Amino acid sequence: PNTQAIKAKVEDLTDQISDAIQQGNELSMLNLVKRLSDLRKSGLQTKG
């Protein structure tokens, strides 16, 4: 696994999630839930 790419993406998404929660931005949080689901589905379909 590309550990550097994984770590960078985890840190980026963690920051976005923390910001959305701190701001109480429900729309951003809902969009992030969908984005995470789509991210996983895309990865499974293309590279397993």
PDB file of all heavy atoms in Angstrom:
ATOM      1  N   PRO A   1       0.824  -1.217   0.000  1.00  0.00           N
ATOM      2  CA  PRO A   1       0.000   0.000   0.000  1.00  0.00           C
ATOM      3  C   PRO A   1       0.855   1.263   0.000  1.00  0.00           C
ATOM      4  O   PRO A   1       1.956   1.279   0.552  1.00  0.00           O
ATOM      5  CB  PRO A   1      -0.816  -0.118   1.293  1.00  0.00           C
ATOM      6  CG  PRO A   1      -0.045  -1.051   2.163  1.00  0.00           C
ATOM      7  CD  PRO A   1       0.663  -1.993   1.236  1.00  0.00           C
ATOM      8  N   ASN A   2       0.332   2.291  -0.638  1.00  0.00           N
ATOM      9  CA  ASN A   2       1.013   3.583  -0.699  1.00  0.00           C
ATOM     10  C   ASN A   2       0.749   4.316   0.614  1.00  0.00           C
ATOM     11  O   ASN A   2      -0.194   5.098   0.734  1.00  0.00           O
ATOM     12  CB  ASN A   2       0.488   4.385  -1.897  1.00  0.00           C
ATOM     13  CG  ASN A   2       1.279   5.663  -2.124  1.00  0.00           C
ATOM     14  OD1 ASN A   2       1.898   6.194  -1.202  1.00  0.00           O
ATOM     15  ND2 ASN A   2       1.261   6.162  -3.342  1.00  0.00           N
ATOM     16  N   THR A   3       1.579   4.041   1.608  1.00  0.00           N
ATOM     17  CA  THR A   3       1.339   4.566   2.953  1.00  0.00           C
ATOM     18  C   THR A   3       1.395   6.091   3.017  1.00  0.00           C
ATOM     19  O   THR A   3       0.665   6.708   3.788  1.00  0.00           O
ATOM     20  CB  THR A   3       2.349   3.976   3.960  1.00  0.00           C
ATOM     21  OG1 THR A   3       3.672   4.183   3.472  1.00  0.00           O
ATOM     22  CG2 THR A   3       2.113   2.478   4.144  1.00  0.00           C
ATOM     23  N   GLN A   4       2.265   6.686   2.202  1.00  0.00           N
ATOM     24  CA  GLN A   4       2.353   8.152   2.202  1.00  0.00           C
ATOM     25  C   GLN A   4       1.064   8.775   1.693  1.00  0.00           C
ATOM     26  O   GLN A   4       0.556   9.747   2.262  1.00  0.00           O
ATOM     27  CB  GLN A   4       3.543   8.612   1.351  1.00  0.00           C
ATOM     28  CG  GLN A   4       4.898   8.351   2.006  1.00  0.00           C
ATOM     29  CD  GLN A   4       6.036   8.969   1.211  1.00  0.00           C
ATOM     30  OE1 GLN A   4       5.957   9.097  -0.014  1.00  0.00           O
ATOM     31  NE2 GLN A   4       7.094   9.351   1.890  1.00  0.00           N
ATOM     32  N   ALA A   5       0.524   8.209   0.601  1.00  0.00           N
ATOM     33  CA  ALA A   5      -0.721   8.733   0.038  1.00  0.00           C
ATOM     34  C   ALA A   5      -1.875   8.527   1.015  1.00  0.00           C
ATOM     35  O   ALA A   5      -2.736   9.403   1.171  1.00  0.00           O
ATOM     36  CB  ALA A   5      -1.022   8.051  -1.295  1.00  0.00           C
ATOM     37  N   ILE A   6      -1.898   7.376   1.675  1.00  0.00           N
ATOM     38  CA  ILE A   6      -2.954   7.081   2.645  1.00  0.00           C
ATOM     39  C   ILE A   6      -2.886   8.068   3.809  1.00  0.00           C
ATOM     40  O   ILE A   6      -3.898   8.648   4.212  1.00  0.00           O
ATOM     41  CB  ILE A   6      -2.832   5.633   3.158  1.00  0.00           C
ATOM     42  CG1 ILE A   6      -3.145   4.649   2.024  1.00  0.00           C
ATOM     43  CG2 ILE A   6      -3.755   5.392   4.351  1.00  0.00           C
ATOM     44  CD1 ILE A   6      -2.772   3.220   2.322  1.00  0.00           C
ATOM     45  N   LYS A   7      -1.676   8.276   4.346  1.00  0.00           N
ATOM     46  CA  LYS A   7      -1.510   9.179   5.486  1.00  0.00           C
ATOM     47  C   LYS A   7      -1.922  10.607   5.132  1.00  0.00           C
ATOM     48  O   LYS A   7      -2.622  11.273   5.910  1.00  0.00           O
ATOM     49  CB  LYS A   7      -0.050   9.162   5.955  1.00  0.00           C
ATOM     50  CG  LYS A   7       0.198  10.004   7.204  1.00  0.00           C
ATOM     51  CD  LYS A   7       1.633   9.866   7.684  1.00  0.00           C
ATOM     52  CE  LYS A   7       1.855  10.685   8.952  1.00  0.00           C
ATOM     53  NZ  LYS A   7       3.232  10.569   9.464  1.00  0.00           N
ATOM     54  N   ALA A   8      -1.531  11.063   3.943  1.00  0.00           N
ATOM     55  CA  ALA A   8      -1.859  12.423   3.517  1.00  0.00           C
ATOM     56  C   ALA A   8      -3.369  12.602   3.371  1.00  0.00           C
ATOM     57  O   ALA A   8      -3.943  13.618   3.799  1.00  0.00           O
ATOM     58  CB  ALA A   8      -1.157  12.744   2.198  1.00  0.00           C
ATOM     59  N   LYS A   9      -4.019  11.612   2.783  1.00  0.00           N
ATOM     60  CA  LYS A   9      -5.469  11.687   2.574  1.00  0.00           C
ATOM     61  C   LYS A   9      -6.215  11.597   3.904  1.00  0.00           C
ATOM     62  O   LYS A   9      -7.207  12.312   4.119  1.00  0.00           O
ATOM     63  CB  LYS A   9      -5.919  10.545   1.657  1.00  0.00           C
ATOM     64  CG  LYS A   9      -7.316  10.721   1.080  1.00  0.00           C
ATOM     65  CD  LYS A   9      -7.334  11.845   0.056  1.00  0.00           C
ATOM     66  CE  LYS A   9      -8.693  11.963  -0.597  1.00  0.00           C
ATOM     67  NZ  LYS A   9      -8.786  13.161  -1.471  1.00  0.00           N
ATOM     68  N   VAL A  10      -5.739  10.752   4.806  1.00  0.00           N
ATOM     69  CA  VAL A  10      -6.358  10.633   6.126  1.00  0.00           C
ATOM     70  C   VAL A  10      -6.266  11.962   6.877  1.00  0.00           C
ATOM     71  O   VAL A  10      -7.248  12.432   7.468  1.00  0.00           O
ATOM     72  CB  VAL A  10      -5.693   9.505   6.952  1.00  0.00           C
ATOM     73  CG1 VAL A  10      -6.067   9.614   8.429  1.00  0.00           C
ATOM     74  CG2 VAL A  10      -6.107   8.141   6.407  1.00  0.00           C
ATOM     75  N   GLU A  11      -5.095  12.585   6.848  1.00  0.00           N
ATOM     76  CA  GLU A  11      -4.900  13.856   7.546  1.00  0.00           C
ATOM     77  C   GLU A  11      -5.784  14.952   6.960  1.00  0.00           C
ATOM     78  O   GLU A  11      -6.381  15.747   7.703  1.00  0.00           O
ATOM     79  CB  GLU A  11      -3.430  14.265   7.487  1.00  0.00           C
ATOM     80  CG  GLU A  11      -2.520  13.381   8.348  1.00  0.00           C
ATOM     81  CD  GLU A  11      -1.047  13.761   8.232  1.00  0.00           C
ATOM     82  OE1 GLU A  11      -0.714  14.598   7.351  1.00  0.00           O
ATOM     83  OE2 GLU A  11      -0.238  13.222   9.005  1.00  0.00           O
ATOM     84  N   ASP A  12      -5.889  14.983   5.623  1.00  0.00           N
ATOM     85  CA  ASP A  12      -6.704  16.002   4.958  1.00  0.00           C
ATOM     86  C   ASP A  12      -8.179  15.840   5.330  1.00  0.00           C
ATOM     87  O   ASP A  12      -8.851  16.809   5.708  1.00  0.00           O
ATOM     88  CB  ASP A  12      -6.522  15.900   3.441  1.00  0.00           C
ATOM     89  CG  ASP A  12      -7.418  16.874   2.690  1.00  0.00           C
ATOM     90  OD1 ASP A  12      -7.416  18.069   3.036  1.00  0.00           O
ATOM     91  OD2 ASP A  12      -8.117  16.443   1.744  1.00  0.00           O
ATOM     92  N   LEU A  13      -8.680  14.620   5.242  1.00  0.00           N
ATOM     93  CA  LEU A  13     -10.091  14.384   5.548  1.00  0.00           C
ATOM     94  C   LEU A  13     -10.382  14.580   7.038  1.00  0.00           C
ATOM     95  O   LEU A  13     -11.445  15.084   7.407  1.00  0.00           O
ATOM     96  CB  LEU A  13     -10.486  12.977   5.105  1.00  0.00           C
ATOM     97  CG  LEU A  13     -10.687  12.812   3.597  1.00  0.00           C
ATOM     98  CD1 LEU A  13     -10.733  11.335   3.213  1.00  0.00           C
ATOM     99  CD2 LEU A  13     -11.952  13.526   3.136  1.00  0.00           C
ATOM    100  N   THR A  14      -9.434  14.211   7.894  1.00  0.00           N
ATOM    101  CA  THR A  14      -9.606  14.421   9.333  1.00  0.00           C
ATOM    102  C   THR A  14      -9.750  15.901   9.651  1.00  0.00           C
ATOM    103  O   THR A  14     -10.603  16.304  10.455  1.00  0.00           O
ATOM    104  CB  THR A  14      -8.412  13.831  10.118  1.00  0.00           C
ATOM    105  OG1 THR A  14      -8.340  12.422   9.870  1.00  0.00           O
ATOM    106  CG2 THR A  14      -8.575  14.061  11.611  1.00  0.00           C
ATOM    107  N   ASP A  15      -8.929  16.722   9.003  1.00  0.00           N
ATOM    108  CA  ASP A  15      -9.010  18.175   9.196  1.00  0.00           C
ATOM    109  C   ASP A  15     -10.361  18.713   8.724  1.00  0.00           C
ATOM    110  O   ASP A  15     -10.983  19.543   9.410  1.00  0.00           O
ATOM    111  CB  ASP A  15      -7.886  18.877   8.441  1.00  0.00           C
ATOM    112  CG  ASP A  15      -6.519  18.684   9.094  1.00  0.00           C
ATOM    113  OD1 ASP A  15      -6.480  18.276  10.272  1.00  0.00           O
ATOM    114  OD2 ASP A  15      -5.493  18.910   8.414  1.00  0.00           O
ATOM    115  N   GLN A  16     -10.810  18.253   7.559  1.00  0.00           N
ATOM    116  CA  GLN A  16     -12.102  18.710   7.033  1.00  0.00           C
ATOM    117  C   GLN A  16     -13.254  18.311   7.951  1.00  0.00           C
ATOM    118  O   GLN A  16     -14.176  19.093   8.189  1.00  0.00           O
ATOM    119  CB  GLN A  16     -12.327  18.138   5.638  1.00  0.00           C
ATOM    120  CG  GLN A  16     -11.411  18.705   4.564  1.00  0.00           C
ATOM    121  CD  GLN A  16     -11.772  18.172   3.188  1.00  0.00           C
ATOM    122  OE1 GLN A  16     -12.933  18.212   2.781  1.00  0.00           O
ATOM    123  NE2 GLN A  16     -10.790  17.671   2.463  1.00  0.00           N
ATOM    124  N   ILE A  17     -13.192  17.091   8.452  1.00  0.00           N
ATOM    125  CA  ILE A  17     -14.243  16.597   9.350  1.00  0.00           C
ATOM    126  C   ILE A  17     -14.240  17.387  10.662  1.00  0.00           C
ATOM    127  O   ILE A  17     -15.292  17.801  11.158  1.00  0.00           O
ATOM    128  CB  ILE A  17     -14.050  15.093   9.614  1.00  0.00           C
ATOM    129  CG1 ILE A  17     -14.387  14.298   8.341  1.00  0.00           C
ATOM    130  CG2 ILE A  17     -14.909  14.616  10.780  1.00  0.00           C
ATOM    131  CD1 ILE A  17     -13.954  12.847   8.380  1.00  0.00           C
ATOM    132  N   SER A  18     -13.060  17.615  11.222  1.00  0.00           N
ATOM    133  CA  SER A  18     -12.948  18.369  12.479  1.00  0.00           C
ATOM    134  C   SER A  18     -13.475  19.790  12.315  1.00  0.00           C
ATOM    135  O   SER A  18     -14.186  20.303  13.188  1.00  0.00           O
ATOM    136  CB  SER A  18     -11.489  18.393  12.949  1.00  0.00           C
ATOM    137  OG  SER A  18     -11.036  17.094  13.265  1.00  0.00           O
ATOM    138  N   ASP A  19     -13.148  20.418  11.184  1.00  0.00           N
ATOM    139  CA  ASP A  19     -13.617  21.789  10.920  1.00  0.00           C
ATOM    140  C   ASP A  19     -15.136  21.829  10.802  1.00  0.00           C
ATOM    141  O   ASP A  19     -15.796  22.715  11.371  1.00  0.00           O
ATOM    142  CB  ASP A  19     -12.990  22.329   9.635  1.00  0.00           C
ATOM    143  CG  ASP A  19     -11.510  22.663   9.788  1.00  0.00           C
ATOM    144  OD1 ASP A  19     -11.049  22.746  10.948  1.00  0.00           O
ATOM    145  OD2 ASP A  19     -10.827  22.819   8.761  1.00  0.00           O
ATOM    146  N   ALA A  20     -15.705  20.868  10.071  1.00  0.00           N
ATOM    147  CA  ALA A  20     -17.159  20.833   9.877  1.00  0.00           C
ATOM    148  C   ALA A  20     -17.887  20.620  11.204  1.00  0.00           C
ATOM    149  O   ALA A  20     -18.915  21.244  11.476  1.00  0.00           O
ATOM    150  CB  ALA A  20     -17.527  19.737   8.886  1.00  0.00           C
ATOM    151  N   ILE A  21     -17.329  19.744  12.056  1.00  0.00           N
ATOM    152  CA  ILE A  21     -17.942  19.474  13.357  1.00  0.00           C
ATOM    153  C   ILE A  21     -17.842  20.698  14.259  1.00  0.00           C
ATOM    154  O   ILE A  21     -18.805  21.091  14.923  1.00  0.00           O
ATOM    155  CB  ILE A  21     -17.275  18.257  14.026  1.00  0.00           C
ATOM    156  CG1 ILE A  21     -17.597  16.972  13.251  1.00  0.00           C
ATOM    157  CG2 ILE A  21     -17.740  18.117  15.483  1.00  0.00           C
ATOM    158  CD1 ILE A  21     -16.851  15.751  13.741  1.00  0.00           C
ATOM    159  N   GLN A  22     -16.668  21.320  14.269  1.00  0.00           N
ATOM    160  CA  GLN A  22     -16.444  22.490  15.120  1.00  0.00           C
ATOM    161  C   GLN A  22     -17.372  23.641  14.731  1.00  0.00           C
ATOM    162  O   GLN A  22     -17.877  24.360  15.597  1.00  0.00           O
ATOM    163  CB  GLN A  22     -14.985  22.937  15.022  1.00  0.00           C
ATOM    164  CG  GLN A  22     -14.618  24.056  15.991  1.00  0.00           C
ATOM    165  CD  GLN A  22     -13.134  24.369  15.964  1.00  0.00           C
ATOM    166  OE1 GLN A  22     -12.385  23.837  15.156  1.00  0.00           O
ATOM    167  NE2 GLN A  22     -12.705  25.243  16.858  1.00  0.00           N
ATOM    168  N   GLN A  23     -17.608  23.790  13.417  1.00  0.00           N
ATOM    169  CA  GLN A  23     -18.473  24.869  12.925  1.00  0.00           C
ATOM    170  C   GLN A  23     -19.954  24.505  13.019  1.00  0.00           C
ATOM    171  O   GLN A  23     -20.824  25.351  12.831  1.00  0.00           O
ATOM    172  CB  GLN A  23     -18.115  25.193  11.468  1.00  0.00           C
ATOM    173  CG  GLN A  23     -16.724  25.775  11.287  1.00  0.00           C
ATOM    174  CD  GLN A  23     -16.269  25.763   9.835  1.00  0.00           C
ATOM    175  OE1 GLN A  23     -17.067  25.545   8.921  1.00  0.00           O
ATOM    176  NE2 GLN A  23     -14.981  26.000   9.616  1.00  0.00           N
ATOM    177  N   GLY A  24     -20.232  23.224  13.290  1.00  0.00           N
ATOM    178  CA  GLY A  24     -21.625  22.783  13.334  1.00  0.00           C
ATOM    179  C   GLY A  24     -22.301  22.854  11.986  1.00  0.00           C
ATOM    180  O   GLY A  24     -23.530  23.033  11.905  1.00  0.00           O
ATOM    181  N   ASN A  25     -21.514  22.705  10.929  1.00  0.00           N
ATOM    182  CA  ASN A  25     -22.033  22.826   9.564  1.00  0.00           C
ATOM    183  C   ASN A  25     -22.617  21.478   9.122  1.00  0.00           C
ATOM    184  O   ASN A  25     -21.898  20.602   8.643  1.00  0.00           O
ATOM    185  CB  ASN A  25     -20.904  23.266   8.615  1.00  0.00           C
ATOM    186  CG  ASN A  25     -21.421  23.661   7.245  1.00  0.00           C
ATOM    187  OD1 ASN A  25     -22.393  23.094   6.746  1.00  0.00           O
ATOM    188  ND2 ASN A  25     -20.774  24.642   6.633  1.00  0.00           N
ATOM    189  N   GLU A  26     -23.922  21.335   9.276  1.00  0.00           N
ATOM    190  CA  GLU A  26     -24.564  20.049   8.987  1.00  0.00           C
ATOM    191  C   GLU A  26     -24.456  19.667   7.519  1.00  0.00           C
ATOM    192  O   GLU A  26     -24.245  18.496   7.187  1.00  0.00           O
ATOM    193  CB  GLU A  26     -26.034  20.089   9.398  1.00  0.00           C
ATOM    194  CG  GLU A  26     -26.723  18.737   9.265  1.00  0.00           C
ATOM    195  CD  GLU A  26     -28.133  18.748   9.814  1.00  0.00           C
ATOM    196  OE1 GLU A  26     -28.513  19.737  10.462  1.00  0.00           O
ATOM    197  OE2 GLU A  26     -28.851  17.753   9.589  1.00  0.00           O
ATOM    198  N   LEU A  27     -24.594  20.651   6.627  1.00  0.00           N
ATOM    199  CA  LEU A  27     -24.505  20.365   5.194  1.00  0.00           C
ATOM    200  C   LEU A  27     -23.124  19.825   4.839  1.00  0.00           C
ATOM    201  O   LEU A  27     -22.998  18.840   4.100  1.00  0.00           O
ATOM    202  CB  LEU A  27     -24.806  21.621   4.369  1.00  0.00           C
ATOM    203  CG  LEU A  27     -24.739  21.448   2.839  1.00  0.00           C
ATOM    204  CD1 LEU A  27     -25.727  20.387   2.380  1.00  0.00           C
ATOM    205  CD2 LEU A  27     -25.018  22.786   2.147  1.00  0.00           C
ATOM    206  N   SER A  28     -22.076  20.451   5.381  1.00  0.00           N
ATOM    207  CA  SER A  28     -20.715  19.982   5.126  1.00  0.00           C
ATOM    208  C   SER A  28     -20.509  18.572   5.675  1.00  0.00           C
ATOM    209  O   SER A  28     -19.860  17.744   5.037  1.00  0.00           O
ATOM    210  CB  SER A  28     -19.691  20.930   5.764  1.00  0.00           C
ATOM    211  OG  SER A  28     -19.682  22.172   5.108  1.00  0.00           O
ATOM    212  N   MET A  29     -21.079  18.313   6.846  1.00  0.00           N
ATOM    213  CA  MET A  29     -20.928  16.990   7.447  1.00  0.00           C
ATOM    214  C   MET A  29     -21.635  15.926   6.608  1.00  0.00           C
ATOM    215  O   MET A  29     -21.097  14.841   6.380  1.00  0.00           O
ATOM    216  CB  MET A  29     -21.461  17.001   8.886  1.00  0.00           C
ATOM    217  CG  MET A  29     -20.552  17.757   9.852  1.00  0.00           C
ATOM    218  SD  MET A  29     -21.047  17.579  11.590  1.00  0.00           S
ATOM    219  CE  MET A  29     -22.339  18.816  11.702  1.00  0.00           C
ATOM    220  N   LEU A  30     -22.841  16.239   6.120  1.00  0.00           N
ATOM    221  CA  LEU A  30     -23.570  15.300   5.263  1.00  0.00           C
ATOM    222  C   LEU A  30     -22.816  15.054   3.961  1.00  0.00           C
ATOM    223  O   LEU A  30     -22.743  13.920   3.468  1.00  0.00           O
ATOM    224  CB  LEU A  30     -24.970  15.833   4.972  1.00  0.00           C
ATOM    225  CG  LEU A  30     -25.950  15.803   6.143  1.00  0.00           C
ATOM    226  CD1 LEU A  30     -27.212  16.583   5.810  1.00  0.00           C
ATOM    227  CD2 LEU A  30     -26.296  14.363   6.518  1.00  0.00           C
ATOM    228  N   ASN A  31     -22.242  16.125   3.410  1.00  0.00           N
ATOM    229  CA  ASN A  31     -21.457  15.992   2.173  1.00  0.00           C
ATOM    230  C   ASN A  31     -20.215  15.128   2.401  1.00  0.00           C
ATOM    231  O   ASN A  31     -19.823  14.352   1.520  1.00  0.00           O
ATOM    232  CB  ASN A  31     -21.047  17.367   1.643  1.00  0.00           C
ATOM    233  CG  ASN A  31     -22.202  18.116   1.009  1.00  0.00           C
ATOM    234  OD1 ASN A  31     -23.183  17.505   0.571  1.00  0.00           O
ATOM    235  ND2 ASN A  31     -22.119  19.438   0.959  1.00  0.00           N
ATOM    236  N   LEU A  32     -19.612  15.249   3.572  1.00  0.00           N
ATOM    237  CA  LEU A  32     -18.429  14.453   3.887  1.00  0.00           C
ATOM    238  C   LEU A  32     -18.784  12.978   4.054  1.00  0.00           C
ATOM    239  O   LEU A  32     -18.023  12.110   3.637  1.00  0.00           O
ATOM    240  CB  LEU A  32     -17.761  14.985   5.162  1.00  0.00           C
ATOM    241  CG  LEU A  32     -16.878  16.226   4.964  1.00  0.00           C
ATOM    242  CD1 LEU A  32     -16.605  16.910   6.293  1.00  0.00           C
ATOM    243  CD2 LEU A  32     -15.563  15.854   4.279  1.00  0.00           C
ATOM    244  N   VAL A  33     -19.934  12.696   4.648  1.00  0.00           N
ATOM    245  CA  VAL A  33     -20.384  11.298   4.772  1.00  0.00           C
ATOM    246  C   VAL A  33     -20.549  10.686   3.386  1.00  0.00           C
ATOM    247  O   VAL A  33     -20.107   9.558   3.136  1.00  0.00           O
ATOM    248  CB  VAL A  33     -21.710  11.213   5.560  1.00  0.00           C
ATOM    249  CG1 VAL A  33     -22.312   9.818   5.440  1.00  0.00           C
ATOM    250  CG2 VAL A  33     -21.471  11.544   7.026  1.00  0.00           C
ATOM    251  N   LYS A  34     -21.201  11.435   2.488  1.00  0.00           N
ATOM    252  CA  LYS A  34     -21.396  10.934   1.116  1.00  0.00           C
ATOM    253  C   LYS A  34     -20.068  10.793   0.389  1.00  0.00           C
ATOM    254  O   LYS A  34     -19.820   9.822  -0.324  1.00  0.00           O
ATOM    255  CB  LYS A  34     -22.316  11.865   0.327  1.00  0.00           C
ATOM    256  CG  LYS A  34     -22.638  11.348  -1.077  1.00  0.00           C
ATOM    257  CD  LYS A  34     -23.566  12.266  -1.820  1.00  0.00           C
ATOM    258  CE  LYS A  34     -23.953  11.648  -3.164  1.00  0.00           C
ATOM    259  NZ  LYS A  34     -22.809  11.296  -4.012  1.00  0.00           N
ATOM    260  N   ARG A  35     -19.189  11.762   0.603  1.00  0.00           N
ATOM    261  CA  ARG A  35     -17.882  11.725  -0.057  1.00  0.00           C
ATOM    262  C   ARG A  35     -17.079  10.505   0.383  1.00  0.00           C
ATOM    263  O   ARG A  35     -16.432   9.847  -0.440  1.00  0.00           O
ATOM    264  CB  ARG A  35     -17.109  13.006   0.265  1.00  0.00           C
ATOM    265  CG  ARG A  35     -15.768  13.116  -0.431  1.00  0.00           C
ATOM    266  CD  ARG A  35     -15.101  14.420  -0.095  1.00  0.00           C
ATOM    267  NE  ARG A  35     -13.708  14.431  -0.493  1.00  0.00           N
ATOM    268  CZ  ARG A  35     -12.836  15.344  -0.100  1.00  0.00           C
ATOM    269  NH1 ARG A  35     -13.216  16.329   0.703  1.00  0.00           N
ATOM    270  NH2 ARG A  35     -11.571  15.285  -0.482  1.00  0.00           N
ATOM    271  N   LEU A  36     -17.117  10.205   1.657  1.00  0.00           N
ATOM    272  CA  LEU A  36     -16.396   9.034   2.170  1.00  0.00           C
ATOM    273  C   LEU A  36     -16.951   7.744   1.586  1.00  0.00           C
ATOM    274  O   LEU A  36     -16.198   6.841   1.220  1.00  0.00           O
ATOM    275  CB  LEU A  36     -16.484   9.000   3.695  1.00  0.00           C
ATOM    276  CG  LEU A  36     -15.646  10.048   4.436  1.00  0.00           C
ATOM    277  CD1 LEU A  36     -16.085  10.143   5.892  1.00  0.00           C
ATOM    278  CD2 LEU A  36     -14.165   9.723   4.346  1.00  0.00           C
ATOM    279  N   SER A  37     -18.275   7.670   1.486  1.00  0.00           N
ATOM    280  CA  SER A  37     -18.907   6.487   0.896  1.00  0.00           C
ATOM    281  C   SER A  37     -18.521   6.342  -0.574  1.00  0.00           C
ATOM    282  O   SER A  37     -18.172   5.251  -1.039  1.00  0.00           O
ATOM    283  CB  SER A  37     -20.429   6.592   1.037  1.00  0.00           C
ATOM    284  OG  SER A  37     -21.057   5.504   0.398  1.00  0.00           O
ATOM    285  N   ASP A  38     -18.573   7.463  -1.311  1.00  0.00           N
ATOM    286  CA  ASP A  38     -18.212   7.441  -2.730  1.00  0.00           C
ATOM    287  C   ASP A  38     -16.735   7.122  -2.925  1.00  0.00           C
ATOM    288  O   ASP A  38     -16.361   6.418  -3.875  1.00  0.00           O
ATOM    289  CB  ASP A  38     -18.527   8.796  -3.382  1.00  0.00           C
ATOM    290  CG  ASP A  38     -20.022   9.067  -3.494  1.00  0.00           C
ATOM    291  OD1 ASP A  38     -20.804   8.107  -3.342  1.00  0.00           O
ATOM    292  OD2 ASP A  38     -20.397  10.223  -3.709  1.00  0.00           O
ATOM    293  N   LEU A  39     -15.909   7.632  -2.015  1.00  0.00           N
ATOM    294  CA  LEU A  39     -14.468   7.389  -2.079  1.00  0.00           C
ATOM    295  C   LEU A  39     -14.180   5.898  -1.977  1.00  0.00           C
ATOM    296  O   LEU A  39     -13.432   5.329  -2.782  1.00  0.00           O
ATOM    297  CB  LEU A  39     -13.771   8.137  -0.937  1.00  0.00           C
ATOM    298  CG  LEU A  39     -12.238   8.098  -0.893  1.00  0.00           C
ATOM    299  CD1 LEU A  39     -11.668   9.065  -1.931  1.00  0.00           C
ATOM    300  CD2 LEU A  39     -11.730   8.501   0.498  1.00  0.00           C
ATOM    301  N   ARG A  40     -14.806   5.261  -0.995  1.00  0.00           N
ATOM    302  CA  ARG A  40     -14.589   3.827  -0.802  1.00  0.00           C
ATOM    303  C   ARG A  40     -15.105   3.027  -1.995  1.00  0.00           C
ATOM    304  O   ARG A  40     -14.438   2.111  -2.480  1.00  0.00           O
ATOM    305  CB  ARG A  40     -15.288   3.366   0.474  1.00  0.00           C
ATOM    306  CG  ARG A  40     -14.974   1.914   0.798  1.00  0.00           C
ATOM    307  CD  ARG A  40     -15.724   1.417   2.004  1.00  0.00           C
ATOM    308  NE  ARG A  40     -15.082   0.225   2.542  1.00  0.00           N
ATOM    309  CZ  ARG A  40     -15.604  -0.519   3.492  1.00  0.00           C
ATOM    310  NH1 ARG A  40     -16.765  -0.203   4.023  1.00  0.00           N
ATOM    311  NH2 ARG A  40     -14.960  -1.587   3.935  1.00  0.00           N
ATOM    312  N   LYS A  41     -16.303   3.364  -2.462  1.00  0.00           N
ATOM    313  CA  LYS A  41     -16.908   2.636  -3.577  1.00  0.00           C
ATOM    314  C   LYS A  41     -16.042   2.750  -4.827  1.00  0.00           C
ATOM    315  O   LYS A  41     -15.820   1.764  -5.537  1.00  0.00           O
ATOM    316  CB  LYS A  41     -18.305   3.190  -3.862  1.00  0.00           C
ATOM    317  CG  LYS A  41     -19.086   2.397  -4.894  1.00  0.00           C
ATOM    318  CD  LYS A  41     -20.477   2.988  -5.112  1.00  0.00           C
ATOM    319  CE  LYS A  41     -21.335   2.833  -3.886  1.00  0.00           C
ATOM    320  NZ  LYS A  41     -22.725   3.332  -4.128  1.00  0.00           N
ATOM    321  N   SER A  42     -15.522   3.955  -5.075  1.00  0.00           N
ATOM    322  CA  SER A  42     -14.664   4.173  -6.241  1.00  0.00           C
ATOM    323  C   SER A  42     -13.392   3.340  -6.147  1.00  0.00           C
ATOM    324  O   SER A  42     -12.969   2.712  -7.118  1.00  0.00           O
ATOM    325  CB  SER A  42     -14.313   5.659  -6.348  1.00  0.00           C
ATOM    326  OG  SER A  42     -13.334   5.877  -7.338  1.00  0.00           O
ATOM    327  N   GLY A  43     -12.776   3.322  -4.964  1.00  0.00           N
ATOM    328  CA  GLY A  43     -11.546   2.554  -4.778  1.00  0.00           C
ATOM    329  C   GLY A  43     -11.764   1.067  -4.961  1.00  0.00           C
ATOM    330  O   GLY A  43     -10.961   0.378  -5.604  1.00  0.00           O
ATOM    331  N   LEU A  44     -12.879   0.549  -4.413  1.00  0.00           N
ATOM    332  CA  LEU A  44     -13.180  -0.875  -4.543  1.00  0.00           C
ATOM    333  C   LEU A  44     -13.408  -1.263  -5.999  1.00  0.00           C
ATOM    334  O   LEU A  44     -12.977  -2.324  -6.448  1.00  0.00           O
ATOM    335  CB  LEU A  44     -14.415  -1.224  -3.708  1.00  0.00           C
ATOM    336  CG  LEU A  44     -14.217  -1.281  -2.185  1.00  0.00           C
ATOM    337  CD1 LEU A  44     -15.560  -1.381  -1.474  1.00  0.00           C
ATOM    338  CD2 LEU A  44     -13.304  -2.435  -1.792  1.00  0.00           C
ATOM    339  N   GLN A  45     -14.096  -0.397  -6.731  1.00  0.00           N
ATOM    340  CA  GLN A  45     -14.433  -0.712  -8.113  1.00  0.00           C
ATOM    341  C   GLN A  45     -13.230  -0.649  -9.044  1.00  0.00           C
ATOM    342  O   GLN A  45     -13.168  -1.379 -10.036  1.00  0.00           O
ATOM    343  CB  GLN A  45     -15.531   0.238  -8.612  1.00  0.00           C
ATOM    344  CG  GLN A  45     -16.892  -0.033  -7.983  1.00  0.00           C
ATOM    345  CD  GLN A  45     -17.939   0.977  -8.399  1.00  0.00           C
ATOM    346  OE1 GLN A  45     -17.638   2.028  -8.958  1.00  0.00           O
ATOM    347  NE2 GLN A  45     -19.203   0.673  -8.115  1.00  0.00           N
ATOM    348  N   THR A  46     -12.271   0.224  -8.725  1.00  0.00           N
ATOM    349  CA  THR A  46     -11.126   0.400  -9.627  1.00  0.00           C
ATOM    350  C   THR A  46      -9.919  -0.463  -9.254  1.00  0.00           C
ATOM    351  O   THR A  46      -9.318  -1.097 -10.128  1.00  0.00           O
ATOM    352  CB  THR A  46     -10.695   1.877  -9.668  1.00  0.00           C
ATOM    353  OG1 THR A  46     -10.412   2.334  -8.332  1.00  0.00           O
ATOM    354  CG2 THR A  46     -11.775   2.751 -10.290  1.00  0.00           C
ATOM    355  N   LYS A  47      -9.583  -0.514  -7.949  1.00  0.00           N
ATOM    356  CA  LYS A  47      -8.365  -1.226  -7.551  1.00  0.00           C
ATOM    357  C   LYS A  47      -8.562  -2.233  -6.428  1.00  0.00           C
ATOM    358  O   LYS A  47      -7.599  -2.837  -5.954  1.00  0.00           O
ATOM    359  CB  LYS A  47      -7.279  -0.212  -7.157  1.00  0.00           C
ATOM    360  CG  LYS A  47      -6.819   0.657  -8.325  1.00  0.00           C
ATOM    361  CD  LYS A  47      -5.703   1.604  -7.915  1.00  0.00           C
ATOM    362  CE  LYS A  47      -5.245   2.452  -9.092  1.00  0.00           C
ATOM    363  NZ  LYS A  47      -4.191   3.425  -8.696  1.00  0.00           N
ATOM    364  N   GLY A  48      -9.820  -2.412  -5.997  1.00  0.00           N
ATOM    365  CA  GLY A  48     -10.103  -3.437  -5.008  1.00  0.00           C
ATOM    366  C   GLY A  48      -9.857  -3.015  -3.566  1.00  0.00           C
ATOM    367  O   GLY A  48      -9.683  -1.839  -3.257  1.00  0.00           O
TER     368      GLY A  48
END
